[in-house]
């Protein structure tokens, strides 16, 4: 099971900052997260960058039990 880490607005939409999801790919992890957390989370996800173990990821990238999938929404600063 991969560890899913959610930050900022993704964390707020999901109501949690961390979960474990059993899926073979990044896309599978994100599909399951959409199913678990609903439409508000799915909407936020469209603007997010996805990283696996600190590297940019694509939906087809494989994930395993020691991997961390991070969902990073855009941030603004001042």
N, C-alpha and C. Protein backbone atom coordinates (compact mmCIF):
# COMPACT_ATOMS: atom_id res chain seq x y z
N UNK A 1 0.84 -1.19 0.00
CA UNK A 1 0.00 0.00 0.00
C UNK A 1 0.88 1.24 0.00
N UNK A 2 0.64 2.11 -0.94
CA UNK A 2 1.37 3.37 -1.00
C UNK A 2 0.80 4.34 0.03
N UNK A 3 1.64 5.22 0.52
CA UNK A 3 1.19 6.28 1.42
C UNK A 3 0.82 7.49 0.58
N UNK A 4 -0.37 7.99 0.76
CA UNK A 4 -0.83 9.20 0.09
C UNK A 4 -0.71 10.35 1.06
N UNK A 5 0.01 11.39 0.66
CA UNK A 5 0.17 12.60 1.48
C UNK A 5 -0.53 13.75 0.77
N UNK A 6 -1.36 14.45 1.50
CA UNK A 6 -2.13 15.56 0.95
C UNK A 6 -1.76 16.85 1.65
N UNK A 7 -1.61 17.90 0.88
CA UNK A 7 -1.18 19.18 1.42
C UNK A 7 -2.17 20.29 1.07
N UNK A 8 -2.21 21.31 1.92
CA UNK A 8 -2.97 22.54 1.72
C UNK A 8 -4.43 22.26 1.35
N UNK A 9 -4.91 22.79 0.23
CA UNK A 9 -6.32 22.66 -0.13
C UNK A 9 -6.72 21.21 -0.40
N UNK A 10 -5.79 20.37 -0.84
CA UNK A 10 -6.12 18.95 -1.04
C UNK A 10 -6.40 18.29 0.31
N UNK A 11 -5.62 18.62 1.31
CA UNK A 11 -5.84 18.10 2.65
C UNK A 11 -7.19 18.58 3.20
N UNK A 12 -7.49 19.85 2.99
CA UNK A 12 -8.75 20.39 3.47
C UNK A 12 -9.94 19.72 2.79
N UNK A 13 -9.86 19.51 1.49
CA UNK A 13 -10.97 18.90 0.75
C UNK A 13 -11.17 17.44 1.15
N UNK A 14 -10.08 16.73 1.45
CA UNK A 14 -10.17 15.32 1.82
C UNK A 14 -10.50 15.13 3.30
N UNK A 15 -10.19 16.11 4.11
CA UNK A 15 -10.40 15.98 5.55
C UNK A 15 -9.32 15.17 6.24
N UNK A 16 -8.21 14.93 5.56
CA UNK A 16 -7.09 14.20 6.14
C UNK A 16 -5.82 14.59 5.39
N UNK A 17 -4.70 14.40 6.04
CA UNK A 17 -3.42 14.70 5.40
C UNK A 17 -2.67 13.47 4.96
N UNK A 18 -3.18 12.28 5.35
CA UNK A 18 -2.45 11.05 5.04
C UNK A 18 -3.43 9.88 4.96
N UNK A 19 -3.12 8.97 4.04
CA UNK A 19 -3.91 7.75 3.90
C UNK A 19 -3.00 6.69 3.28
N UNK A 20 -3.43 5.45 3.31
CA UNK A 20 -2.74 4.40 2.58
C UNK A 20 -3.71 3.82 1.58
N UNK A 21 -3.22 3.62 0.37
CA UNK A 21 -4.07 3.15 -0.72
C UNK A 21 -3.33 2.05 -1.46
N UNK A 22 -4.03 0.96 -1.70
CA UNK A 22 -3.48 -0.18 -2.42
C UNK A 22 -3.84 -0.07 -3.89
N UNK A 23 -2.88 0.33 -4.70
CA UNK A 23 -3.07 0.45 -6.15
C UNK A 23 -1.70 0.29 -6.80
N UNK A 24 -1.65 -0.23 -8.03
CA UNK A 24 -0.36 -0.49 -8.68
C UNK A 24 0.29 0.73 -9.33
N UNK A 25 -0.49 1.80 -9.57
CA UNK A 25 0.04 2.97 -10.26
C UNK A 25 -0.40 4.25 -9.55
N UNK A 26 0.26 5.35 -9.90
CA UNK A 26 -0.13 6.66 -9.38
C UNK A 26 -1.58 6.95 -9.75
N UNK A 27 -1.95 6.67 -11.00
CA UNK A 27 -3.33 6.89 -11.44
C UNK A 27 -4.32 6.11 -10.61
N UNK A 28 -3.98 4.87 -10.27
CA UNK A 28 -4.86 4.06 -9.43
C UNK A 28 -5.01 4.62 -8.03
N UNK A 29 -3.92 5.13 -7.47
CA UNK A 29 -3.98 5.77 -6.16
C UNK A 29 -4.90 6.99 -6.21
N UNK A 30 -4.74 7.80 -7.25
CA UNK A 30 -5.56 9.01 -7.36
C UNK A 30 -7.02 8.68 -7.63
N UNK A 31 -7.29 7.64 -8.42
CA UNK A 31 -8.68 7.23 -8.66
C UNK A 31 -9.35 6.81 -7.36
N UNK A 32 -8.64 6.03 -6.57
CA UNK A 32 -9.19 5.59 -5.28
C UNK A 32 -9.40 6.78 -4.34
N UNK A 33 -8.46 7.73 -4.36
CA UNK A 33 -8.60 8.93 -3.53
C UNK A 33 -9.83 9.73 -3.95
N UNK A 34 -10.06 9.86 -5.25
CA UNK A 34 -11.26 10.57 -5.72
C UNK A 34 -12.52 9.87 -5.21
N UNK A 35 -12.51 8.56 -5.27
CA UNK A 35 -13.65 7.78 -4.81
C UNK A 35 -13.88 7.97 -3.30
N UNK A 36 -12.81 7.97 -2.53
CA UNK A 36 -12.93 8.11 -1.08
C UNK A 36 -13.33 9.51 -0.65
N UNK A 37 -12.80 10.53 -1.32
CA UNK A 37 -12.93 11.90 -0.82
C UNK A 37 -13.93 12.77 -1.57
N UNK A 38 -14.48 12.30 -2.68
CA UNK A 38 -15.57 12.99 -3.34
C UNK A 38 -15.20 14.10 -4.30
N UNK A 39 -16.25 14.82 -4.70
CA UNK A 39 -16.12 15.79 -5.78
C UNK A 39 -15.29 17.02 -5.41
N UNK A 40 -15.36 17.46 -4.18
CA UNK A 40 -14.55 18.63 -3.79
C UNK A 40 -13.07 18.29 -3.94
N UNK A 41 -12.68 17.11 -3.48
CA UNK A 41 -11.29 16.69 -3.62
C UNK A 41 -10.92 16.52 -5.09
N UNK A 42 -11.80 15.91 -5.87
CA UNK A 42 -11.54 15.71 -7.30
C UNK A 42 -11.32 17.05 -8.00
N UNK A 43 -12.09 18.06 -7.62
CA UNK A 43 -11.91 19.38 -8.21
C UNK A 43 -10.57 20.00 -7.89
N UNK A 44 -10.14 19.88 -6.64
CA UNK A 44 -8.84 20.39 -6.23
C UNK A 44 -7.72 19.64 -6.96
N UNK A 45 -7.90 18.35 -7.11
CA UNK A 45 -6.86 17.51 -7.71
C UNK A 45 -6.51 17.94 -9.13
N UNK A 46 -7.46 18.55 -9.85
CA UNK A 46 -7.19 18.95 -11.23
C UNK A 46 -6.10 20.02 -11.33
N UNK A 47 -5.85 20.73 -10.25
CA UNK A 47 -4.84 21.80 -10.27
C UNK A 47 -3.52 21.40 -9.60
N UNK A 48 -3.45 20.17 -9.11
CA UNK A 48 -2.31 19.74 -8.30
C UNK A 48 -1.19 19.12 -9.12
N UNK A 49 -0.01 19.19 -8.54
CA UNK A 49 1.15 18.43 -9.04
C UNK A 49 1.25 17.18 -8.19
N UNK A 50 1.66 16.10 -8.83
CA UNK A 50 1.77 14.82 -8.14
C UNK A 50 3.24 14.38 -8.16
N UNK A 51 3.73 14.01 -7.00
CA UNK A 51 5.12 13.57 -6.87
C UNK A 51 5.14 12.21 -6.18
N UNK A 52 6.10 11.39 -6.55
CA UNK A 52 6.32 10.12 -5.86
C UNK A 52 7.75 10.12 -5.34
N UNK A 53 7.87 9.97 -4.04
CA UNK A 53 9.18 9.95 -3.39
C UNK A 53 10.04 11.15 -3.77
N UNK A 54 9.40 12.32 -3.85
CA UNK A 54 10.12 13.55 -4.11
C UNK A 54 10.43 13.84 -5.57
N UNK A 55 9.87 13.05 -6.48
CA UNK A 55 10.09 13.24 -7.92
C UNK A 55 8.75 13.42 -8.63
N UNK A 56 8.70 14.27 -9.67
CA UNK A 56 7.46 14.42 -10.44
C UNK A 56 6.99 13.06 -10.97
N UNK A 57 5.67 12.86 -10.98
CA UNK A 57 5.13 11.57 -11.37
C UNK A 57 4.03 11.72 -12.42
N UNK A 58 3.80 10.65 -13.17
CA UNK A 58 2.71 10.58 -14.13
C UNK A 58 1.74 9.49 -13.67
N UNK A 59 0.51 9.50 -14.18
CA UNK A 59 -0.47 8.49 -13.76
C UNK A 59 -0.02 7.05 -14.02
N UNK A 60 0.82 6.83 -15.01
CA UNK A 60 1.25 5.47 -15.34
C UNK A 60 2.41 4.97 -14.49
N UNK A 61 3.00 5.83 -13.68
CA UNK A 61 4.14 5.42 -12.86
C UNK A 61 3.70 4.38 -11.82
N UNK A 62 4.47 3.31 -11.67
CA UNK A 62 4.13 2.29 -10.68
C UNK A 62 4.41 2.78 -9.26
N UNK A 63 3.65 2.26 -8.31
CA UNK A 63 3.89 2.54 -6.90
C UNK A 63 3.87 1.23 -6.12
N UNK A 64 4.63 1.21 -5.05
CA UNK A 64 4.71 0.04 -4.20
C UNK A 64 4.48 0.41 -2.76
N UNK A 65 4.63 -0.55 -1.87
CA UNK A 65 4.31 -0.33 -0.46
C UNK A 65 5.23 0.66 0.26
N UNK A 66 6.40 0.91 -0.27
CA UNK A 66 7.32 1.85 0.38
C UNK A 66 7.28 3.23 -0.26
N UNK A 67 6.37 3.46 -1.20
CA UNK A 67 6.32 4.73 -1.93
C UNK A 67 5.37 5.72 -1.28
N UNK A 68 5.72 6.99 -1.43
CA UNK A 68 4.87 8.08 -0.95
C UNK A 68 4.42 8.91 -2.14
N UNK A 69 3.11 8.99 -2.33
CA UNK A 69 2.50 9.80 -3.38
C UNK A 69 2.04 11.10 -2.73
N UNK A 70 2.61 12.21 -3.18
CA UNK A 70 2.28 13.52 -2.61
C UNK A 70 1.44 14.32 -3.57
N UNK A 71 0.36 14.92 -3.07
CA UNK A 71 -0.51 15.77 -3.84
C UNK A 71 -0.27 17.21 -3.39
N UNK A 72 0.29 18.01 -4.31
CA UNK A 72 0.71 19.37 -3.99
C UNK A 72 -0.09 20.39 -4.80
N UNK A 73 -1.05 21.06 -4.17
CA UNK A 73 -1.78 22.13 -4.86
C UNK A 73 -0.88 23.33 -5.12
N UNK A 74 -1.27 24.16 -6.08
CA UNK A 74 -0.51 25.39 -6.29
C UNK A 74 -0.59 26.27 -5.05
N UNK A 75 0.46 26.99 -4.78
CA UNK A 75 0.49 27.89 -3.64
C UNK A 75 0.80 29.29 -4.12
N UNK A 76 0.32 30.25 -3.38
CA UNK A 76 0.67 31.64 -3.68
C UNK A 76 1.28 32.25 -2.44
N UNK A 77 2.10 33.19 -2.66
CA UNK A 77 2.77 33.82 -1.52
C UNK A 77 2.68 35.32 -1.62
N UNK A 78 3.13 35.93 -0.61
CA UNK A 78 3.06 37.38 -0.62
C UNK A 78 4.30 37.96 -0.04
